[in-house]
Amino acid sequence: MPQIFWKYKNSSGKDYEVSLYHGDSSGHILLYSGQEIIKIDFNVRSDSKYSFLLGDELFEVSVTSTKTLFKYQLCNVAKVKFISPFEGKNYPTCHILKATVFLIVVVLLIVLLWQFL
């Protein structure tokens, strides 16, 4: 069940989240931005392209089929700029690491203060 996400900030400063779901067995594609469905396509087993507007900018999602996998790309057509997928996998890990380091520092400070009082 491939699922891919992109984040894009347009020229006016508004943030957009574009998501694509592609079912393994069904081949159905669901393309949406935020909570708005942009495109539904059924039984996609070969190369496809989907064009849509985010604000006043034209975008295109291309689905490219290889022998065993699919490749997904989001492109801003007007600027001819490819948007890289959002890698949110490290997002929680990064925050957990920062919180752990902060907690260790606070505990060390409390222990040090306790020793001197």
PDB file of N, CA and C in Angstrom:
ATOM      1  N   MET A   1       0.841  -1.175   0.000  1.00  0.00           N
ATOM      2  CA  MET A   1       0.000   0.000   0.000  1.00  0.00           C
ATOM      3  C   MET A   1       0.888   1.240   0.000  1.00  0.00           C
ATOM      4  N   PRO A   2       1.382   1.663  -1.154  1.00  0.00           N
ATOM      5  CA  PRO A   2       2.209   2.877  -1.203  1.00  0.00           C
ATOM      6  C   PRO A   2       1.397   4.109  -0.833  1.00  0.00           C
ATOM      7  N   GLN A   3       1.980   4.894   0.031  1.00  0.00           N
ATOM      8  CA  GLN A   3       1.401   6.165   0.420  1.00  0.00           C
ATOM      9  C   GLN A   3       2.545   7.162   0.470  1.00  0.00           C
ATOM     10  N   ILE A   4       2.360   8.310  -0.159  1.00  0.00           N
ATOM     11  CA  ILE A   4       3.430   9.296  -0.244  1.00  0.00           C
ATOM     12  C   ILE A   4       2.845  10.676   0.033  1.00  0.00           C
ATOM     13  N   PHE A   5       3.667  11.537   0.648  1.00  0.00           N
ATOM     14  CA  PHE A   5       3.216  12.869   1.053  1.00  0.00           C
ATOM     15  C   PHE A   5       4.207  13.916   0.555  1.00  0.00           C
ATOM     16  N   TRP A   6       3.672  15.064   0.177  1.00  0.00           N
ATOM     17  CA  TRP A   6       4.500  16.215  -0.188  1.00  0.00           C
ATOM     18  C   TRP A   6       3.997  17.423   0.586  1.00  0.00           C
ATOM     19  N   LYS A   7       4.912  18.315   0.936  1.00  0.00           N
ATOM     20  CA  LYS A   7       4.542  19.605   1.522  1.00  0.00           C
ATOM     21  C   LYS A   7       5.082  20.679   0.601  1.00  0.00           C
ATOM     22  N   TYR A   8       4.240  21.713   0.358  1.00  0.00           N
ATOM     23  CA  TYR A   8       4.639  22.781  -0.557  1.00  0.00           C
ATOM     24  C   TYR A   8       4.122  24.105  -0.024  1.00  0.00           C
ATOM     25  N   LYS A   9       4.967  25.121  -0.071  1.00  0.00           N
ATOM     26  CA  LYS A   9       4.566  26.484   0.295  1.00  0.00           C
ATOM     27  C   LYS A   9       4.576  27.306  -0.987  1.00  0.00           C
ATOM     28  N   ASN A  10       3.403  27.837  -1.366  1.00  0.00           N
ATOM     29  CA  ASN A  10       3.332  28.581  -2.623  1.00  0.00           C
ATOM     30  C   ASN A  10       3.865  29.998  -2.459  1.00  0.00           C
ATOM     31  N   SER A  11       3.856  30.749  -3.543  1.00  0.00           N
ATOM     32  CA  SER A  11       4.456  32.089  -3.551  1.00  0.00           C
ATOM     33  C   SER A  11       3.750  33.055  -2.606  1.00  0.00           C
ATOM     34  N   SER A  12       2.469  32.826  -2.304  1.00  0.00           N
ATOM     35  CA  SER A  12       1.751  33.701  -1.380  1.00  0.00           C
ATOM     36  C   SER A  12       1.966  33.298   0.075  1.00  0.00           C
ATOM     37  N   GLY A  13       2.691  32.196   0.306  1.00  0.00           N
ATOM     38  CA  GLY A  13       3.020  31.782   1.659  1.00  0.00           C
ATOM     39  C   GLY A  13       2.101  30.738   2.259  1.00  0.00           C
ATOM     40  N   LYS A  14       1.118  30.269   1.511  1.00  0.00           N
ATOM     41  CA  LYS A  14       0.204  29.262   2.038  1.00  0.00           C
ATOM     42  C   LYS A  14       0.824  27.872   1.910  1.00  0.00           C
ATOM     43  N   ASP A  15       0.690  27.068   2.981  1.00  0.00           N
ATOM     44  CA  ASP A  15       1.210  25.705   2.983  1.00  0.00           C
ATOM     45  C   ASP A  15       0.168  24.745   2.429  1.00  0.00           C
ATOM     46  N   TYR A  16       0.628  23.809   1.616  1.00  0.00           N
ATOM     47  CA  TYR A  16      -0.231  22.757   1.076  1.00  0.00           C
ATOM     48  C   TYR A  16       0.389  21.411   1.379  1.00  0.00           C
ATOM     49  N   GLU A  17      -0.445  20.450   1.716  1.00  0.00           N
ATOM     50  CA  GLU A  17      -0.016  19.073   1.879  1.00  0.00           C
ATOM     51  C   GLU A  17      -0.736  18.258   0.813  1.00  0.00           C
ATOM     52  N   VAL A  18       0.038  17.572  -0.008  1.00  0.00           N
ATOM     53  CA  VAL A  18      -0.512  16.730  -1.063  1.00  0.00           C
ATOM     54  C   VAL A  18      -0.182  15.287  -0.705  1.00  0.00           C
ATOM     55  N   SER A  19      -1.173  14.413  -0.777  1.00  0.00           N
ATOM     56  CA  SER A  19      -0.978  13.009  -0.416  1.00  0.00           C
ATOM     57  C   SER A  19      -1.514  12.123  -1.526  1.00  0.00           C
ATOM     58  N   LEU A  20      -0.873  10.978  -1.686  1.00  0.00           N
ATOM     59  CA  LEU A  20      -1.296  10.015  -2.692  1.00  0.00           C
ATOM     60  C   LEU A  20      -1.308   8.637  -2.059  1.00  0.00           C
ATOM     61  N   TYR A  21      -2.396   7.928  -2.260  1.00  0.00           N
ATOM     62  CA  TYR A  21      -2.535   6.538  -1.833  1.00  0.00           C
ATOM     63  C   TYR A  21      -2.711   5.696  -3.084  1.00  0.00           C
ATOM     64  N   HIS A  22      -1.968   4.601  -3.182  1.00  0.00           N
ATOM     65  CA  HIS A  22      -2.071   3.697  -4.326  1.00  0.00           C
ATOM     66  C   HIS A  22      -2.212   2.280  -3.777  1.00  0.00           C
ATOM     67  N   GLY A  23      -3.391   1.689  -3.918  1.00  0.00           N
ATOM     68  CA  GLY A  23      -3.667   0.362  -3.376  1.00  0.00           C
ATOM     69  C   GLY A  23      -2.859  -0.730  -4.062  1.00  0.00           C
ATOM     70  N   ASP A  24      -2.323  -1.654  -3.269  1.00  0.00           N
ATOM     71  CA  ASP A  24      -1.507  -2.748  -3.808  1.00  0.00           C
ATOM     72  C   ASP A  24      -2.313  -3.669  -4.712  1.00  0.00           C
ATOM     73  N   SER A  25      -3.360  -4.244  -4.173  1.00  0.00           N
ATOM     74  CA  SER A  25      -4.117  -5.235  -4.940  1.00  0.00           C
ATOM     75  C   SER A  25      -5.129  -4.591  -5.886  1.00  0.00           C
ATOM     76  N   SER A  26      -5.740  -3.510  -5.467  1.00  0.00           N
ATOM     77  CA  SER A  26      -6.782  -2.882  -6.294  1.00  0.00           C
ATOM     78  C   SER A  26      -6.214  -1.997  -7.385  1.00  0.00           C
ATOM     79  N   GLY A  27      -5.071  -1.344  -7.106  1.00  0.00           N
ATOM     80  CA  GLY A  27      -4.506  -0.401  -8.059  1.00  0.00           C
ATOM     81  C   GLY A  27      -5.189   0.951  -8.034  1.00  0.00           C
ATOM     82  N   HIS A  28      -6.140   1.146  -7.127  1.00  0.00           N
ATOM     83  CA  HIS A  28      -6.863   2.415  -7.041  1.00  0.00           C
ATOM     84  C   HIS A  28      -5.939   3.511  -6.522  1.00  0.00           C
ATOM     85  N   ILE A  29      -6.092   4.699  -7.108  1.00  0.00           N
ATOM     86  CA  ILE A  29      -5.312   5.867  -6.678  1.00  0.00           C
ATOM     87  C   ILE A  29      -6.263   6.900  -6.103  1.00  0.00           C
ATOM     88  N   LEU A  30      -5.870   7.431  -4.945  1.00  0.00           N
ATOM     89  CA  LEU A  30      -6.586   8.527  -4.308  1.00  0.00           C
ATOM     90  C   LEU A  30      -5.573   9.634  -4.099  1.00  0.00           C
ATOM     91  N   LEU A  31      -5.815  10.779  -4.718  1.00  0.00           N
ATOM     92  CA  LEU A  31      -4.934  11.941  -4.619  1.00  0.00           C
ATOM     93  C   LEU A  31      -5.715  13.036  -3.911  1.00  0.00           C
ATOM     94  N   TYR A  32      -5.141  13.565  -2.822  1.00  0.00           N
ATOM     95  CA  TYR A  32      -5.869  14.579  -2.066  1.00  0.00           C
ATOM     96  C   TYR A  32      -4.922  15.614  -1.492  1.00  0.00           C
ATOM     97  N   SER A  33      -5.477  16.798  -1.228  1.00  0.00           N
ATOM     98  CA  SER A  33      -4.738  17.901  -0.615  1.00  0.00           C
ATOM     99  C   SER A  33      -5.499  18.318   0.632  1.00  0.00           C
ATOM    100  N   GLY A  34      -4.856  18.177   1.788  1.00  0.00           N
ATOM    101  CA  GLY A  34      -5.557  18.440   3.039  1.00  0.00           C
ATOM    102  C   GLY A  34      -6.676  17.426   3.186  1.00  0.00           C
ATOM    103  N   GLN A  35      -7.905  17.903   3.238  1.00  0.00           N
ATOM    104  CA  GLN A  35      -9.061  17.005   3.308  1.00  0.00           C
ATOM    105  C   GLN A  35      -9.879  17.039   2.023  1.00  0.00           C
ATOM    106  N   GLU A  36      -9.350  17.662   0.986  1.00  0.00           N
ATOM    107  CA  GLU A  36     -10.046  17.778  -0.293  1.00  0.00           C
ATOM    108  C   GLU A  36      -9.524  16.739  -1.278  1.00  0.00           C
ATOM    109  N   ILE A  37     -10.430  15.915  -1.789  1.00  0.00           N
ATOM    110  CA  ILE A  37     -10.046  14.905  -2.776  1.00  0.00           C
ATOM    111  C   ILE A  37      -9.851  15.590  -4.122  1.00  0.00           C
ATOM    112  N   ILE A  38      -8.682  15.366  -4.722  1.00  0.00           N
ATOM    113  CA  ILE A  38      -8.366  15.965  -6.014  1.00  0.00           C
ATOM    114  C   ILE A  38      -8.718  15.021  -7.148  1.00  0.00           C
ATOM    115  N   LYS A  39      -8.375  13.744  -6.980  1.00  0.00           N
ATOM    116  CA  LYS A  39      -8.572  12.783  -8.066  1.00  0.00           C
ATOM    117  C   LYS A  39      -8.710  11.390  -7.486  1.00  0.00           C
ATOM    118  N   ILE A  40      -9.621  10.611  -8.058  1.00  0.00           N
ATOM    119  CA  ILE A  40      -9.746   9.177  -7.783  1.00  0.00           C
ATOM    120  C   ILE A  40      -9.649   8.476  -9.128  1.00  0.00           C
ATOM    121  N   ASP A  41      -8.784   7.486  -9.211  1.00  0.00           N
ATOM    122  CA  ASP A  41      -8.621   6.717 -10.445  1.00  0.00           C
ATOM    123  C   ASP A  41      -8.568   5.241 -10.057  1.00  0.00           C
ATOM    124  N   PHE A  42      -9.279   4.432 -10.819  1.00  0.00           N
ATOM    125  CA  PHE A  42      -9.402   3.026 -10.466  1.00  0.00           C
ATOM    126  C   PHE A  42      -8.503   2.149 -11.334  1.00  0.00           C
ATOM    127  N   ASN A  43      -7.979   1.092 -10.720  1.00  0.00           N
ATOM    128  CA  ASN A  43      -7.231   0.040 -11.406  1.00  0.00           C
ATOM    129  C   ASN A  43      -6.061   0.587 -12.224  1.00  0.00           C
ATOM    130  N   VAL A  44      -5.217   1.389 -11.604  1.00  0.00           N
ATOM    131  CA  VAL A  44      -4.060   1.978 -12.279  1.00  0.00           C
ATOM    132  C   VAL A  44      -2.905   0.985 -12.202  1.00  0.00           C
ATOM    133  N   ARG A  45      -2.515   0.461 -13.352  1.00  0.00           N
ATOM    134  CA  ARG A  45      -1.427  -0.525 -13.422  1.00  0.00           C
ATOM    135  C   ARG A  45      -0.292  -0.066 -14.339  1.00  0.00           C
ATOM    136  N   SER A  46      -0.472   1.098 -14.982  1.00  0.00           N
ATOM    137  CA  SER A  46       0.551   1.607 -15.899  1.00  0.00           C
ATOM    138  C   SER A  46       0.790   3.090 -15.608  1.00  0.00           C
ATOM    139  N   ASP A  47       1.624   3.719 -16.419  1.00  0.00           N
ATOM    140  CA  ASP A  47       1.977   5.123 -16.225  1.00  0.00           C
ATOM    141  C   ASP A  47       0.740   6.018 -16.340  1.00  0.00           C
ATOM    142  N   SER A  48       0.676   7.007 -15.447  1.00  0.00           N
ATOM    143  CA  SER A  48      -0.442   7.956 -15.443  1.00  0.00           C
ATOM    144  C   SER A  48       0.054   9.318 -14.994  1.00  0.00           C
ATOM    145  N   LYS A  49      -0.680  10.371 -15.390  1.00  0.00           N
ATOM    146  CA  LYS A  49      -0.381  11.734 -14.963  1.00  0.00           C
ATOM    147  C   LYS A  49      -1.678  12.410 -14.559  1.00  0.00           C
ATOM    148  N   TYR A  50      -1.595  13.224 -13.493  1.00  0.00           N
ATOM    149  CA  TYR A  50      -2.759  13.933 -12.976  1.00  0.00           C
ATOM    150  C   TYR A  50      -2.381  15.384 -12.751  1.00  0.00           C
ATOM    151  N   SER A  51      -3.115  16.302 -13.369  1.00  0.00           N
ATOM    152  CA  SER A  51      -2.867  17.733 -13.228  1.00  0.00           C
ATOM    153  C   SER A  51      -3.938  18.351 -12.343  1.00  0.00           C
ATOM    154  N   PHE A  52      -3.523  19.330 -11.533  1.00  0.00           N
ATOM    155  CA  PHE A  52      -4.459  20.003 -10.629  1.00  0.00           C
ATOM    156  C   PHE A  52      -3.855  21.331 -10.191  1.00  0.00           C
ATOM    157  N   LEU A  53      -4.700  22.192  -9.625  1.00  0.00           N
ATOM    158  CA  LEU A  53      -4.268  23.498  -9.133  1.00  0.00           C
ATOM    159  C   LEU A  53      -4.159  23.480  -7.615  1.00  0.00           C
ATOM    160  N   LEU A  54      -3.089  24.087  -7.108  1.00  0.00           N
ATOM    161  CA  LEU A  54      -2.965  24.400  -5.688  1.00  0.00           C
ATOM    162  C   LEU A  54      -2.882  25.912  -5.630  1.00  0.00           C
ATOM    163  N   GLY A  55      -3.963  26.524  -5.178  1.00  0.00           N
ATOM    164  CA  GLY A  55      -4.036  27.983  -5.239  1.00  0.00           C
ATOM    165  C   GLY A  55      -4.108  28.392  -6.699  1.00  0.00           C
ATOM    166  N   ASP A  56      -3.133  29.181  -7.158  1.00  0.00           N
ATOM    167  CA  ASP A  56      -3.120  29.603  -8.555  1.00  0.00           C
ATOM    168  C   ASP A  56      -1.964  28.971  -9.329  1.00  0.00           C
ATOM    169  N   GLU A  57      -1.368  27.904  -8.792  1.00  0.00           N
ATOM    170  CA  GLU A  57      -0.245  27.250  -9.453  1.00  0.00           C
ATOM    171  C   GLU A  57      -0.647  25.855  -9.925  1.00  0.00           C
ATOM    172  N   LEU A  58      -0.197  25.497 -11.132  1.00  0.00           N
ATOM    173  CA  LEU A  58      -0.511  24.207 -11.732  1.00  0.00           C
ATOM    174  C   LEU A  58       0.530  23.168 -11.334  1.00  0.00           C
ATOM    175  N   PHE A  59       0.047  22.012 -10.891  1.00  0.00           N
ATOM    176  CA  PHE A  59       0.910  20.905 -10.485  1.00  0.00           C
ATOM    177  C   PHE A  59       0.545  19.660 -11.267  1.00  0.00           C
ATOM    178  N   GLU A  60       1.496  18.729 -11.312  1.00  0.00           N
ATOM    179  CA  GLU A  60       1.267  17.463 -11.987  1.00  0.00           C
ATOM    180  C   GLU A  60       1.907  16.344 -11.171  1.00  0.00           C
ATOM    181  N   VAL A  61       1.130  15.314 -10.894  1.00  0.00           N
ATOM    182  CA  VAL A  61       1.652  14.108 -10.250  1.00  0.00           C
ATOM    183  C   VAL A  61       1.790  13.061 -11.341  1.00  0.00           C
ATOM    184  N   SER A  62       2.981  12.491 -11.430  1.00  0.00           N
ATOM    185  CA  SER A  62       3.193  11.427 -12.407  1.00  0.00           C
ATOM    186  C   SER A  62       3.435  10.115 -11.675  1.00  0.00           C
ATOM    187  N   VAL A  63       2.773   9.072 -12.165  1.00  0.00           N
ATOM    188  CA  VAL A  63       2.923   7.716 -11.643  1.00  0.00           C
ATOM    189  C   VAL A  63       3.599   6.919 -12.745  1.00  0.00           C
ATOM    190  N   THR A  64       4.806   6.416 -12.449  1.00  0.00           N
ATOM    191  CA  THR A  64       5.585   5.680 -13.434  1.00  0.00           C
ATOM    192  C   THR A  64       5.734   4.240 -12.958  1.00  0.00           C
ATOM    193  N   SER A  65       5.432   3.309 -13.847  1.00  0.00           N
ATOM    194  CA  SER A  65       5.485   1.899 -13.504  1.00  0.00           C
ATOM    195  C   SER A  65       6.794   1.279 -13.960  1.00  0.00           C
ATOM    196  N   THR A  66       7.441   0.540 -13.047  1.00  0.00           N
ATOM    197  CA  THR A  66       8.577  -0.301 -13.428  1.00  0.00           C
ATOM    198  C   THR A  66       8.087  -1.741 -13.343  1.00  0.00           C
ATOM    199  N   LYS A  67       8.974  -2.692 -13.428  1.00  0.00           N
ATOM    200  CA  LYS A  67       8.539  -4.091 -13.413  1.00  0.00           C
ATOM    201  C   LYS A  67       7.805  -4.465 -12.126  1.00  0.00           C
ATOM    202  N   THR A  68       8.341  -4.033 -10.994  1.00  0.00           N
ATOM    203  CA  THR A  68       7.742  -4.448  -9.725  1.00  0.00           C
ATOM    204  C   THR A  68       7.276  -3.288  -8.854  1.00  0.00           C
ATOM    205  N   LEU A  69       7.731  -2.076  -9.144  1.00  0.00           N
ATOM    206  CA  LEU A  69       7.422  -0.931  -8.292  1.00  0.00           C
ATOM    207  C   LEU A  69       6.808   0.210  -9.082  1.00  0.00           C
ATOM    208  N   PHE A  70       6.241   1.160  -8.341  1.00  0.00           N
ATOM    209  CA  PHE A  70       5.763   2.405  -8.923  1.00  0.00           C
ATOM    210  C   PHE A  70       6.603   3.545  -8.374  1.00  0.00           C
ATOM    211  N   LYS A  71       6.813   4.565  -9.198  1.00  0.00           N
ATOM    212  CA  LYS A  71       7.548   5.757  -8.790  1.00  0.00           C
ATOM    213  C   LYS A  71       6.588   6.935  -8.901  1.00  0.00           C
ATOM    214  N   TYR A  72       6.613   7.828  -7.895  1.00  0.00           N
ATOM    215  CA  TYR A  72       5.678   8.945  -7.836  1.00  0.00           C
ATOM    216  C   TYR A  72       6.459  10.251  -7.769  1.00  0.00           C
ATOM    217  N   GLN A  73       6.048  11.245  -8.586  1.00  0.00           N
ATOM    218  CA  GLN A  73       6.698  12.553  -8.582  1.00  0.00           C
ATOM    219  C   GLN A  73       5.648  13.650  -8.640  1.00  0.00           C
ATOM    220  N   LEU A  74       5.905  14.724  -7.878  1.00  0.00           N
ATOM    221  CA  LEU A  74       5.069  15.919  -7.909  1.00  0.00           C
ATOM    222  C   LEU A  74       5.893  17.036  -8.510  1.00  0.00           C
ATOM    223  N   CYS A  75       5.334  17.708  -9.511  1.00  0.00           N
ATOM    224  CA  CYS A  75       6.059  18.767 -10.208  1.00  0.00           C
ATOM    225  C   CYS A  75       5.196  20.019 -10.289  1.00  0.00           C
ATOM    226  N   ASN A  76       5.812  21.173  -9.981  1.00  0.00           N
ATOM    227  CA  ASN A  76       5.177  22.459 -10.211  1.00  0.00           C
ATOM    228  C   ASN A  76       5.410  22.780 -11.680  1.00  0.00           C
ATOM    229  N   VAL A  77       4.376  22.701 -12.491  1.00  0.00           N
ATOM    230  CA  VAL A  77       4.505  22.814 -13.942  1.00  0.00           C
ATOM    231  C   VAL A  77       4.985  24.194 -14.362  1.00  0.00           C
ATOM    232  N   ALA A  78       4.472  25.242 -13.731  1.00  0.00           N
ATOM    233  CA  ALA A  78       4.835  26.606 -14.123  1.00  0.00           C
ATOM    234  C   ALA A  78       6.321  26.887 -13.868  1.00  0.00           C
ATOM    235  N   LYS A  79       6.828  26.416 -12.731  1.00  0.00           N
ATOM    236  CA  LYS A  79       8.222  26.673 -12.381  1.00  0.00           C
ATOM    237  C   LYS A  79       9.156  25.544 -12.806  1.00  0.00           C
ATOM    238  N   VAL A  80       8.591  24.464 -13.335  1.00  0.00           N
ATOM    239  CA  VAL A  80       9.327  23.252 -13.694  1.00  0.00           C
ATOM    240  C   VAL A  80      10.224  22.844 -12.516  1.00  0.00           C
ATOM    241  N   LYS A  81       9.568  22.683 -11.374  1.00  0.00           N
ATOM    242  CA  LYS A  81      10.278  22.359 -10.140  1.00  0.00           C
ATOM    243  C   LYS A  81       9.667  21.102  -9.538  1.00  0.00           C
ATOM    244  N   PHE A  82      10.509  20.086  -9.301  1.00  0.00           N
ATOM    245  CA  PHE A  82      10.043  18.868  -8.668  1.00  0.00           C
ATOM    246  C   PHE A  82      10.062  19.047  -7.151  1.00  0.00           C
ATOM    247  N   ILE A  83       8.982  18.626  -6.510  1.00  0.00           N
ATOM    248  CA  ILE A  83       8.850  18.734  -5.069  1.00  0.00           C
ATOM    249  C   ILE A  83       9.257  17.388  -4.469  1.00  0.00           C
ATOM    250  N   SER A  84      10.174  17.420  -3.518  1.00  0.00           N
ATOM    251  CA  SER A  84      10.623  16.161  -2.914  1.00  0.00           C
ATOM    252  C   SER A  84       9.601  15.693  -1.883  1.00  0.00           C
ATOM    253  N   PRO A  85       9.455  14.379  -1.741  1.00  0.00           N
ATOM    254  CA  PRO A  85       8.489  13.844  -0.774  1.00  0.00           C
ATOM    255  C   PRO A  85       8.861  14.236   0.647  1.00  0.00           C
ATOM    256  N   PHE A  86       7.839  14.389   1.472  1.00  0.00           N
ATOM    257  CA  PHE A  86       8.031  14.713   2.886  1.00  0.00           C
ATOM    258  C   PHE A  86       8.426  13.442   3.614  1.00  0.00           C
ATOM    259  N   GLU A  87       9.569  13.467   4.262  1.00  0.00           N
ATOM    260  CA  GLU A  87      10.047  12.312   5.022  1.00  0.00           C
ATOM    261  C   GLU A  87       9.741  12.546   6.496  1.00  0.00           C
ATOM    262  N   GLY A  88       8.575  12.160   6.913  1.00  0.00           N
ATOM    263  CA  GLY A  88       8.159  12.385   8.290  1.00  0.00           C
ATOM    264  C   GLY A  88       8.581  11.287   9.239  1.00  0.00           C
ATOM    265  N   LYS A  89       9.316  10.295   8.743  1.00  0.00           N
ATOM    266  CA  LYS A  89       9.697   9.171   9.590  1.00  0.00           C
ATOM    267  C   LYS A  89      10.605   9.615  10.731  1.00  0.00           C
ATOM    268  N   ASN A  90      11.521  10.541  10.486  1.00  0.00           N
ATOM    269  CA  ASN A  90      12.458  10.973  11.512  1.00  0.00           C
ATOM    270  C   ASN A  90      11.894  12.079  12.393  1.00  0.00           C
ATOM    271  N   TYR A  91      10.749  12.607  12.057  1.00  0.00           N
ATOM    272  CA  TYR A  91      10.169  13.713  12.808  1.00  0.00           C
ATOM    273  C   TYR A  91       9.933  13.352  14.274  1.00  0.00           C
ATOM    274  N   PRO A  92       9.216  12.259  14.599  1.00  0.00           N
ATOM    275  CA  PRO A  92       9.020  11.922  16.015  1.00  0.00           C
ATOM    276  C   PRO A  92      10.323  11.526  16.692  1.00  0.00           C
ATOM    277  N   THR A  93      11.187  10.817  16.003  1.00  0.00           N
ATOM    278  CA  THR A  93      12.454  10.387  16.580  1.00  0.00           C
ATOM    279  C   THR A  93      13.291  11.583  16.987  1.00  0.00           C
ATOM    280  N   CYS A  94      13.327  12.599  16.159  1.00  0.00           N
ATOM    281  CA  CYS A  94      14.087  13.812  16.457  1.00  0.00           C
ATOM    282  C   CYS A  94      13.555  14.470  17.720  1.00  0.00           C
ATOM    283  N   HIS A  95      12.248  14.580  17.861  1.00  0.00           N
ATOM    284  CA  HIS A  95      11.662  15.214  19.035  1.00  0.00           C
ATOM    285  C   HIS A  95      11.862  14.371  20.290  1.00  0.00           C
ATOM    286  N   ILE A  96      11.798  13.065  20.154  1.00  0.00           N
ATOM    287  CA  ILE A  96      12.037  12.195  21.306  1.00  0.00           C
ATOM    288  C   ILE A  96      13.478  12.344  21.776  1.00  0.00           C
ATOM    289  N   LEU A  97      14.411  12.418  20.841  1.00  0.00           N
ATOM    290  CA  LEU A  97      15.815  12.585  21.187  1.00  0.00           C
ATOM    291  C   LEU A  97      16.043  13.917  21.911  1.00  0.00           C
ATOM    292  N   LYS A  98      15.468  14.990  21.389  1.00  0.00           N
ATOM    293  CA  LYS A  98      15.615  16.305  22.025  1.00  0.00           C
ATOM    294  C   LYS A  98      15.003  16.309  23.428  1.00  0.00           C
ATOM    295  N   ALA A  99      13.838  15.690  23.579  1.00  0.00           N
ATOM    296  CA  ALA A  99      13.175  15.643  24.883  1.00  0.00           C
ATOM    297  C   ALA A  99      13.997  14.821  25.875  1.00  0.00           C
ATOM    298  N   THR A 100      14.601  13.736  25.418  1.00  0.00           N
ATOM    299  CA  THR A 100      15.428  12.906  26.293  1.00  0.00           C
ATOM    300  C   THR A 100      16.655  13.665  26.766  1.00  0.00           C
ATOM    301  N   VAL A 101      17.332  14.354  25.868  1.00  0.00           N
ATOM    302  CA  VAL A 101      18.511  15.143  26.240  1.00  0.00           C
ATOM    303  C   VAL A 101      18.119  16.239  27.224  1.00  0.00           C
ATOM    304  N   PHE A 102      17.015  16.911  26.988  1.00  0.00           N
ATOM    305  CA  PHE A 102      16.542  17.959  27.891  1.00  0.00           C
ATOM    306  C   PHE A 102      16.252  17.390  29.282  1.00  0.00           C
ATOM    307  N   LEU A 103      15.613  16.227  29.331  1.00  0.00           N
ATOM    308  CA  LEU A 103      15.284  15.591  30.601  1.00  0.00           C
ATOM    309  C   LEU A 103      16.556  15.212  31.365  1.00  0.00           C
ATOM    310  N   ILE A 104      17.551  14.695  30.669  1.00  0.00           N
ATOM    311  CA  ILE A 104      18.823  14.335  31.313  1.00  0.00           C
ATOM    312  C   ILE A 104      19.499  15.574  31.896  1.00  0.00           C
ATOM    313  N   VAL A 105      19.497  16.661  31.148  1.00  0.00           N
ATOM    314  CA  VAL A 105      20.109  17.909  31.630  1.00  0.00           C
ATOM    315  C   VAL A 105      19.384  18.411  32.877  1.00  0.00           C
ATOM    316  N   VAL A 106      18.082  18.388  32.870  1.00  0.00           N
ATOM    317  CA  VAL A 106      17.308  18.849  34.034  1.00  0.00           C
ATOM    318  C   VAL A 106      17.591  17.961  35.244  1.00  0.00           C
ATOM    319  N   VAL A 107      17.607  16.657  35.059  1.00  0.00           N
ATOM    320  CA  VAL A 107      17.878  15.738  36.166  1.00  0.00           C
ATOM    321  C   VAL A 107      19.279  15.979  36.713  1.00  0.00           C
ATOM    322  N   LEU A 108      20.277  16.161  35.851  1.00  0.00           N
ATOM    323  CA  LEU A 108      21.640  16.441  36.304  1.00  0.00           C
ATOM    324  C   LEU A 108      21.709  17.738  37.091  1.00  0.00           C
ATOM    325  N   LEU A 109      21.023  18.770  36.643  1.00  0.00           N
ATOM    326  CA  LEU A 109      20.994  20.032  37.376  1.00  0.00           C
ATOM    327  C   LEU A 109      20.365  19.865  38.757  1.00  0.00           C
ATOM    328  N   ILE A 110      19.298  19.104  38.845  1.00  0.00           N
ATOM    329  CA  ILE A 110      18.643  18.867  40.134  1.00  0.00           C
ATOM    330  C   ILE A 110      19.572  18.095  41.063  1.00  0.00           C
ATOM    331  N   VAL A 111      20.248  17.071  40.540  1.00  0.00           N
ATOM    332  CA  VAL A 111      21.182  16.290  41.354  1.00  0.00           C
ATOM    333  C   VAL A 111      22.326  17.164  41.836  1.00  0.00           C
ATOM    334  N   LEU A 112      22.883  17.993  40.973  1.00  0.00           N
ATOM    335  CA  LEU A 112      23.964  18.883  41.350  1.00  0.00           C
ATOM    336  C   LEU A 112      23.524  19.885  42.414  1.00  0.00           C
ATOM    337  N   LEU A 113      22.348  20.457  42.265  1.00  0.00           N
ATOM    338  CA  LEU A 113      21.827  21.394  43.262  1.00  0.00           C
ATOM    339  C   LEU A 113      21.599  20.693  44.595  1.00  0.00           C
ATOM    340  N   TRP A 114      21.129  19.473  44.567  1.00  0.00           N
ATOM    341  CA  TRP A 114      20.870  18.712  45.780  1.00  0.00           C
ATOM    342  C   TRP A 114      22.181  18.413  46.527  1.00  0.00           C
ATOM    343  N   GLN A 115      23.234  18.141  45.769  1.00  0.00           N
ATOM    344  CA  GLN A 115      24.540  17.842  46.373  1.00  0.00           C
ATOM    345  C   GLN A 115      25.109  19.045  47.107  1.00  0.00           C
ATOM    346  N   PHE A 116      24.894  20.223  46.578  1.00  0.00           N
ATOM    347  CA  PHE A 116      25.485  21.421  47.176  1.00  0.00           C
ATOM    348  C   PHE A 116      24.616  22.053  48.259  1.00  0.00           C
ATOM    349  N   LEU A 117      23.394  21.623  48.407  1.00  0.00           N
ATOM    350  CA  LEU A 117      22.507  22.200  49.447  1.00  0.00           C
ATOM    351  C   LEU A 117      22.452  21.376  50.667  1.00  0.00           C
TER     352      LEU A 117
END
